[in-house]
Amino acid sequence: SEFTIEIVTHPNNPTGELRKPLVQDGSHVIYDMVYYWPMYTNASVKMSEDIMIFSSSKECGLGGTRFGWGLFKDASLASKTPAVVESTIMSVPEDSILRAYNSISQIINETPSSVTGMLPYHQFGREKIFSAFSRLSDAMKDCKGMDIQLMNDITHSPGAYAWLKCASGVHCADELKKLASIEGSPGMTYGAINEYMRLSMFMPSVEMDIMIKKFTSLCQ
């Protein structure tokens, strides 16, 4: 019989929302949890889905390493994954495994905070990301320079990217680049219309300060 394999990004990229499956026909659901870390969302709920996949890219900042892992409830299904990996990418490079292992080991061997229960690495990253979104929201509040909105839930689950929406008919990425020299990715890249755009929140503090100043100048 036919069945559906649904991939749920949890939290979603780039909106940060904690999505649930849409298909209600007993489909096989894979939870893509690359962003399910305390830096990007309130990852306090212990997930227990049938299939959950993770990556070192957003946890450790190792995007180029291309190393991830999966958790399966079904042991027989899990036993088939090595053959799939071998047939698609042949093998995982040893240097990628060692790089990811060393990074993750450093993180999990830290002592959790007695106040938040978070590991220091996660606490530091969370403060940086949530602060960046708060500053961006303040800079864009009641924007007078152009009709633009920040769509992320900056209190509970901002995610790793700002998801912006401009006025109807406006190509948001082009308009922001023209008016304020702020560069982002058009919404069309992520299955939306170009009234939306994605703005990376991964940047050094100096660059973040410059971007916030640009939004402040544009919106005041």
C-alpha atoms as a PDB file:
ATOM      1  CA  SER A   1       0.000   0.000   0.000  1.00  0.00           C
ATOM      2  CA  GLU A   2       1.076   3.578  -0.524  1.00  0.00           C
ATOM      3  CA  PHE A   3       2.458   5.602   2.327  1.00  0.00           C
ATOM      4  CA  THR A   4       4.025   9.000   2.864  1.00  0.00           C
ATOM      5  CA  ILE A   5       7.439   9.846   4.239  1.00  0.00           C
ATOM      6  CA  GLU A   6       7.156  13.277   5.828  1.00  0.00           C
ATOM      7  CA  ILE A   7      10.175  15.265   6.997  1.00  0.00           C
ATOM      8  CA  VAL A   8       9.372  17.752   9.761  1.00  0.00           C
ATOM      9  CA  THR A   9      11.951  20.446  10.497  1.00  0.00           C
ATOM     10  CA  HIS A  10      11.749  21.008  14.250  1.00  0.00           C
ATOM     11  CA  PRO A  11      12.359  23.887  14.732  1.00  0.00           C
ATOM     12  CA  ASN A  12      11.774  25.105  11.220  1.00  0.00           C
ATOM     13  CA  ASN A  13      14.378  26.876   9.109  1.00  0.00           C
ATOM     14  CA  PRO A  14      14.140  29.837   8.789  1.00  0.00           C
ATOM     15  CA  THR A  15      11.066  30.729  10.864  1.00  0.00           C
ATOM     16  CA  GLY A  16      12.106  28.912  14.050  1.00  0.00           C
ATOM     17  CA  GLU A  17       8.590  27.576  14.690  1.00  0.00           C
ATOM     18  CA  LEU A  18       8.199  24.140  16.287  1.00  0.00           C
ATOM     19  CA  ARG A  19       6.263  22.310  13.609  1.00  0.00           C
ATOM     20  CA  LYS A  20       4.265  19.092  13.800  1.00  0.00           C
ATOM     21  CA  PRO A  21       3.396  16.575  11.034  1.00  0.00           C
ATOM     22  CA  LEU A  22       0.757  17.664   8.530  1.00  0.00           C
ATOM     23  CA  VAL A  23      -0.092  14.293   7.015  1.00  0.00           C
ATOM     24  CA  GLN A  24      -2.558  12.310   9.098  1.00  0.00           C
ATOM     25  CA  ASP A  25      -2.586   8.981   7.254  1.00  0.00           C
ATOM     26  CA  GLY A  26      -0.189   6.991   9.382  1.00  0.00           C
ATOM     27  CA  SER A  27       2.758   8.322   7.415  1.00  0.00           C
ATOM     28  CA  HIS A  28       6.355   7.682   8.334  1.00  0.00           C
ATOM     29  CA  VAL A  29       7.694  10.862   9.949  1.00  0.00           C
ATOM     30  CA  ILE A  30      11.339  11.888  10.135  1.00  0.00           C
ATOM     31  CA  TYR A  31      12.064  14.736  12.523  1.00  0.00           C
ATOM     32  CA  ASP A  32      14.898  16.922  11.247  1.00  0.00           C
ATOM     33  CA  MET A  33      16.218  18.331  14.529  1.00  0.00           C
ATOM     34  CA  VAL A  34      19.373  20.039  13.292  1.00  0.00           C
ATOM     35  CA  TYR A  35      18.290  23.234  15.084  1.00  0.00           C
ATOM     36  CA  TYR A  36      16.865  21.599  18.227  1.00  0.00           C
ATOM     37  CA  TRP A  37      19.489  23.032  20.564  1.00  0.00           C
ATOM     38  CA  PRO A  38      19.096  25.522  23.439  1.00  0.00           C
ATOM     39  CA  MET A  39      20.786  28.257  21.385  1.00  0.00           C
ATOM     40  CA  TYR A  40      17.884  28.413  18.933  1.00  0.00           C
ATOM     41  CA  THR A  41      14.782  27.287  20.796  1.00  0.00           C
ATOM     42  CA  ASN A  42      13.459  26.242  24.199  1.00  0.00           C
ATOM     43  CA  ALA A  43      14.748  22.687  23.823  1.00  0.00           C
ATOM     44  CA  SER A  44      13.619  21.652  27.283  1.00  0.00           C
ATOM     45  CA  VAL A  45      11.083  19.057  26.125  1.00  0.00           C
ATOM     46  CA  LYS A  46      12.590  15.598  25.734  1.00  0.00           C
ATOM     47  CA  MET A  47      11.594  14.422  22.290  1.00  0.00           C
ATOM     48  CA  SER A  48      10.769  10.780  21.682  1.00  0.00           C
ATOM     49  CA  GLU A  49       9.850  10.458  18.007  1.00  0.00           C
ATOM     50  CA  ASP A  50      10.335   7.340  15.887  1.00  0.00           C
ATOM     51  CA  ILE A  51      13.132   8.850  13.790  1.00  0.00           C
ATOM     52  CA  MET A  52      15.138  11.941  14.749  1.00  0.00           C
ATOM     53  CA  ILE A  53      18.168  13.223  12.874  1.00  0.00           C
ATOM     54  CA  PHE A  54      20.785  15.663  14.157  1.00  0.00           C
ATOM     55  CA  SER A  55      23.903  17.368  12.852  1.00  0.00           C
ATOM     56  CA  SER A  56      27.139  18.822  14.199  1.00  0.00           C
ATOM     57  CA  SER A  57      26.791  21.812  11.865  1.00  0.00           C
ATOM     58  CA  LYS A  58      24.477  23.965  13.999  1.00  0.00           C
ATOM     59  CA  GLU A  59      25.426  22.416  17.340  1.00  0.00           C
ATOM     60  CA  CYS A  60      29.182  22.863  16.986  1.00  0.00           C
ATOM     61  CA  GLY A  61      29.533  25.310  14.102  1.00  0.00           C
ATOM     62  CA  LEU A  62      30.975  22.573  11.890  1.00  0.00           C
ATOM     63  CA  GLY A  63      28.951  23.110   8.729  1.00  0.00           C
ATOM     64  CA  GLY A  64      31.790  21.986   6.455  1.00  0.00           C
ATOM     65  CA  THR A  65      32.311  18.746   8.379  1.00  0.00           C
ATOM     66  CA  ARG A  66      28.991  17.298   7.133  1.00  0.00           C
ATOM     67  CA  PHE A  67      28.637  14.948  10.090  1.00  0.00           C
ATOM     68  CA  GLY A  68      25.287  13.942  11.550  1.00  0.00           C
ATOM     69  CA  TRP A  69      23.555  11.124  13.392  1.00  0.00           C
ATOM     70  CA  GLY A  70      20.114   9.626  13.821  1.00  0.00           C
ATOM     71  CA  LEU A  71      18.097   8.112  16.654  1.00  0.00           C
ATOM     72  CA  PHE A  72      15.671   5.295  15.827  1.00  0.00           C
ATOM     73  CA  LYS A  73      13.097   3.493  17.936  1.00  0.00           C
ATOM     74  CA  ASP A  74      13.019   0.623  15.445  1.00  0.00           C
ATOM     75  CA  ALA A  75      16.299  -1.289  15.767  1.00  0.00           C
ATOM     76  CA  SER A  76      15.749  -3.200  12.523  1.00  0.00           C
ATOM     77  CA  LEU A  77      15.350   0.065  10.620  1.00  0.00           C
ATOM     78  CA  ALA A  78      18.433   1.539  12.268  1.00  0.00           C
ATOM     79  CA  SER A  79      20.471  -1.506  11.213  1.00  0.00           C
ATOM     80  CA  LYS A  80      19.771  -0.690   7.555  1.00  0.00           C
ATOM     81  CA  THR A  81      21.124   2.859   7.655  1.00  0.00           C
ATOM     82  CA  PRO A  82      24.857   2.000   7.261  1.00  0.00           C
ATOM     83  CA  ALA A  83      24.114   0.415   3.893  1.00  0.00           C
ATOM     84  CA  VAL A  84      22.184   3.525   2.806  1.00  0.00           C
ATOM     85  CA  VAL A  85      25.051   5.795   3.880  1.00  0.00           C
ATOM     86  CA  GLU A  86      27.577   3.619   2.062  1.00  0.00           C
ATOM     87  CA  SER A  87      25.522   3.609  -1.144  1.00  0.00           C
ATOM     88  CA  THR A  88      25.060   7.387  -1.168  1.00  0.00           C
ATOM     89  CA  ILE A  89      28.319   8.871   0.136  1.00  0.00           C
ATOM     90  CA  MET A  90      30.497   5.743   0.268  1.00  0.00           C
ATOM     91  CA  SER A  91      31.765   6.497   3.784  1.00  0.00           C
ATOM     92  CA  VAL A  92      32.134   9.222   6.378  1.00  0.00           C
ATOM     93  CA  PRO A  93      35.697  10.633   6.373  1.00  0.00           C
ATOM     94  CA  GLU A  94      37.676   9.774   9.502  1.00  0.00           C
ATOM     95  CA  ASP A  95      38.721  13.401  10.002  1.00  0.00           C
ATOM     96  CA  SER A  96      35.044  14.447  10.041  1.00  0.00           C
ATOM     97  CA  ILE A  97      34.252  11.838  12.681  1.00  0.00           C
ATOM     98  CA  LEU A  98      37.193  12.886  14.845  1.00  0.00           C
ATOM     99  CA  ARG A  99      36.436  16.601  14.487  1.00  0.00           C
ATOM    100  CA  ALA A 100      32.795  16.130  15.464  1.00  0.00           C
ATOM    101  CA  TYR A 101      33.655  13.709  18.270  1.00  0.00           C
ATOM    102  CA  ASN A 102      36.218  16.044  19.823  1.00  0.00           C
ATOM    103  CA  SER A 103      33.892  19.044  19.624  1.00  0.00           C
ATOM    104  CA  ILE A 104      30.879  17.255  21.085  1.00  0.00           C
ATOM    105  CA  SER A 105      33.035  15.678  23.814  1.00  0.00           C
ATOM    106  CA  GLN A 106      34.211  19.110  24.909  1.00  0.00           C
ATOM    107  CA  ILE A 107      30.619  20.330  25.128  1.00  0.00           C
ATOM    108  CA  ILE A 108      29.080  17.416  27.032  1.00  0.00           C
ATOM    109  CA  ASN A 109      31.945  17.191  29.521  1.00  0.00           C
ATOM    110  CA  GLU A 110      31.186  20.661  30.850  1.00  0.00           C
ATOM    111  CA  THR A 111      29.361  21.081  34.161  1.00  0.00           C
ATOM    112  CA  PRO A 112      25.707  22.167  33.731  1.00  0.00           C
ATOM    113  CA  SER A 113      24.586  25.416  35.320  1.00  0.00           C
ATOM    114  CA  SER A 114      22.963  24.970  38.734  1.00  0.00           C
ATOM    115  CA  VAL A 115      20.447  27.675  37.774  1.00  0.00           C
ATOM    116  CA  THR A 116      19.399  26.846  34.199  1.00  0.00           C
ATOM    117  CA  GLY A 117      20.599  23.255  33.935  1.00  0.00           C
ATOM    118  CA  MET A 118      22.251  24.145  30.631  1.00  0.00           C
ATOM    119  CA  LEU A 119      25.792  23.371  29.640  1.00  0.00           C
ATOM    120  CA  PRO A 120      27.941  26.549  29.596  1.00  0.00           C
ATOM    121  CA  TYR A 121      28.421  26.253  25.827  1.00  0.00           C
ATOM    122  CA  HIS A 122      24.657  26.196  25.228  1.00  0.00           C
ATOM    123  CA  GLN A 123      24.056  28.994  27.724  1.00  0.00           C
ATOM    124  CA  PHE A 124      26.614  31.216  25.993  1.00  0.00           C
ATOM    125  CA  GLY A 125      25.184  30.505  22.537  1.00  0.00           C
ATOM    126  CA  ARG A 126      21.618  31.051  23.715  1.00  0.00           C
ATOM    127  CA  GLU A 127      22.454  34.437  25.220  1.00  0.00           C
ATOM    128  CA  LYS A 128      24.149  35.512  21.993  1.00  0.00           C
ATOM    129  CA  ILE A 129      21.364  34.396  19.639  1.00  0.00           C
ATOM    130  CA  PHE A 130      18.421  35.562  21.749  1.00  0.00           C
ATOM    131  CA  SER A 131      20.152  38.902  22.405  1.00  0.00           C
ATOM    132  CA  ALA A 132      20.792  39.393  18.690  1.00  0.00           C
ATOM    133  CA  PHE A 133      17.107  38.821  17.879  1.00  0.00           C
ATOM    134  CA  SER A 134      16.025  41.160  20.667  1.00  0.00           C
ATOM    135  CA  ARG A 135      18.298  43.918  19.348  1.00  0.00           C
ATOM    136  CA  LEU A 136      17.052  43.406  15.802  1.00  0.00           C
ATOM    137  CA  SER A 137      13.437  43.543  16.960  1.00  0.00           C
ATOM    138  CA  ASP A 138      14.071  46.784  18.847  1.00  0.00           C
ATOM    139  CA  ALA A 139      15.797  48.347  15.833  1.00  0.00           C
ATOM    140  CA  MET A 140      12.887  47.443  13.536  1.00  0.00           C
ATOM    141  CA  LYS A 141      10.080  48.476  15.894  1.00  0.00           C
ATOM    142  CA  ASP A 142       7.635  50.914  14.256  1.00  0.00           C
ATOM    143  CA  CYS A 143       9.936  51.138  11.240  1.00  0.00           C
ATOM    144  CA  LYS A 144       9.432  54.370   9.307  1.00  0.00           C
ATOM    145  CA  GLY A 145      11.950  53.807   6.518  1.00  0.00           C
ATOM    146  CA  MET A 146      10.040  50.885   4.984  1.00  0.00           C
ATOM    147  CA  ASP A 147       7.190  48.486   5.701  1.00  0.00           C
ATOM    148  CA  ILE A 148       9.002  45.488   7.169  1.00  0.00           C
ATOM    149  CA  GLN A 149       8.291  42.957   9.928  1.00  0.00           C
ATOM    150  CA  LEU A 150      10.311  40.391  11.873  1.00  0.00           C
ATOM    151  CA  MET A 151       8.288  37.164  11.801  1.00  0.00           C
ATOM    152  CA  ASN A 152      10.246  35.016  14.291  1.00  0.00           C
ATOM    153  CA  ASP A 153       9.062  34.172  17.797  1.00  0.00           C
ATOM    154  CA  ILE A 154      11.994  35.886  19.503  1.00  0.00           C
ATOM    155  CA  THR A 155      10.826  34.947  23.007  1.00  0.00           C
ATOM    156  CA  HIS A 156      10.572  31.168  22.728  1.00  0.00           C
ATOM    157  CA  SER A 157      11.999  29.880  19.451  1.00  0.00           C
ATOM    158  CA  PRO A 158      13.751  32.407  17.204  1.00  0.00           C
ATOM    159  CA  GLY A 159      15.808  29.857  15.298  1.00  0.00           C
ATOM    160  CA  ALA A 160      19.098  30.715  13.647  1.00  0.00           C
ATOM    161  CA  TYR A 161      17.906  33.113  10.940  1.00  0.00           C
ATOM    162  CA  ALA A 162      15.718  36.196  10.884  1.00  0.00           C
ATOM    163  CA  TRP A 163      12.633  35.760   8.680  1.00  0.00           C
ATOM    164  CA  LEU A 164      11.557  39.168   7.428  1.00  0.00           C
ATOM    165  CA  LYS A 165       8.423  40.229   5.576  1.00  0.00           C
ATOM    166  CA  CYS A 166       8.097  43.377   3.484  1.00  0.00           C
ATOM    167  CA  ALA A 167       5.036  45.092   2.048  1.00  0.00           C
ATOM    168  CA  SER A 168       2.935  43.422  -0.625  1.00  0.00           C
ATOM    169  CA  GLY A 169       4.662  43.384  -4.005  1.00  0.00           C
ATOM    170  CA  VAL A 170       8.059  44.400  -2.618  1.00  0.00           C
ATOM    171  CA  HIS A 171      11.115  42.225  -3.309  1.00  0.00           C
ATOM    172  CA  CYS A 172      12.371  42.343   0.276  1.00  0.00           C
ATOM    173  CA  ALA A 173      15.995  41.289  -0.310  1.00  0.00           C
ATOM    174  CA  ASP A 174      16.470  43.738  -3.183  1.00  0.00           C
ATOM    175  CA  GLU A 175      14.831  46.595  -1.287  1.00  0.00           C
ATOM    176  CA  LEU A 176      16.926  46.165   1.858  1.00  0.00           C
ATOM    177  CA  LYS A 177      20.101  45.935  -0.189  1.00  0.00           C
ATOM    178  CA  LYS A 178      19.197  49.114  -2.070  1.00  0.00           C
ATOM    179  CA  LEU A 179      18.095  51.169   0.938  1.00  0.00           C
ATOM    180  CA  ALA A 180      20.478  49.987   3.645  1.00  0.00           C
ATOM    181  CA  SER A 181      23.146  47.717   2.074  1.00  0.00           C
ATOM    182  CA  ILE A 182      21.753  44.774   4.073  1.00  0.00           C
ATOM    183  CA  GLU A 183      22.091  41.468   2.256  1.00  0.00           C
ATOM    184  CA  GLY A 184      19.871  38.432   2.725  1.00  0.00           C
ATOM    185  CA  SER A 185      18.375  35.554   0.768  1.00  0.00           C
ATOM    186  CA  PRO A 186      15.075  35.955  -1.168  1.00  0.00           C
ATOM    187  CA  GLY A 187      12.060  34.087   0.146  1.00  0.00           C
ATOM    188  CA  MET A 188      11.727  32.159  -3.126  1.00  0.00           C
ATOM    189  CA  THR A 189      14.834  30.185  -2.109  1.00  0.00           C
ATOM    190  CA  TYR A 190      12.855  28.736   0.808  1.00  0.00           C
ATOM    191  CA  GLY A 191       9.531  28.075  -0.876  1.00  0.00           C
ATOM    192  CA  ALA A 192       7.998  31.468  -0.078  1.00  0.00           C
ATOM    193  CA  ILE A 193       7.368  34.571  -2.167  1.00  0.00           C
ATOM    194  CA  ASN A 194      10.001  37.271  -2.448  1.00  0.00           C
ATOM    195  CA  GLU A 195       8.122  39.582  -0.088  1.00  0.00           C
ATOM    196  CA  TYR A 196      10.010  37.499   2.474  1.00  0.00           C
ATOM    197  CA  MET A 197      13.745  37.195   3.007  1.00  0.00           C
ATOM    198  CA  ARG A 198      16.103  35.229   5.255  1.00  0.00           C
ATOM    199  CA  LEU A 199      18.805  37.043   7.177  1.00  0.00           C
ATOM    200  CA  SER A 200      21.603  35.113   8.849  1.00  0.00           C
ATOM    201  CA  MET A 201      22.138  35.761  12.543  1.00  0.00           C
ATOM    202  CA  PHE A 202      25.476  33.938  12.477  1.00  0.00           C
ATOM    203  CA  MET A 203      28.061  36.719  12.447  1.00  0.00           C
ATOM    204  CA  PRO A 204      30.808  38.207  14.621  1.00  0.00           C
ATOM    205  CA  SER A 205      29.759  40.826  17.178  1.00  0.00           C
ATOM    206  CA  VAL A 206      31.296  43.649  15.142  1.00  0.00           C
ATOM    207  CA  GLU A 207      29.269  42.712  12.061  1.00  0.00           C
ATOM    208  CA  MET A 208      26.114  42.356  14.162  1.00  0.00           C
ATOM    209  CA  ASP A 209      26.659  45.862  15.565  1.00  0.00           C
ATOM    210  CA  ILE A 210      26.981  47.234  12.027  1.00  0.00           C
ATOM    211  CA  MET A 211      23.821  45.481  10.855  1.00  0.00           C
ATOM    212  CA  ILE A 212      21.803  46.740  13.840  1.00  0.00           C
ATOM    213  CA  LYS A 213      23.022  50.288  13.134  1.00  0.00           C
ATOM    214  CA  LYS A 214      21.883  49.958   9.526  1.00  0.00           C
ATOM    215  CA  PHE A 215      18.394  48.841  10.591  1.00  0.00           C
ATOM    216  CA  THR A 216      18.231  51.605  13.193  1.00  0.00           C
ATOM    217  CA  SER A 217      19.154  54.255  10.591  1.00  0.00           C
ATOM    218  CA  LEU A 218      16.650  52.841   8.110  1.00  0.00           C
ATOM    219  CA  CYS A 219      13.767  52.623  10.564  1.00  0.00           C
ATOM    220  CA  GLN A 220      14.071  55.783  12.643  1.00  0.00           C
END
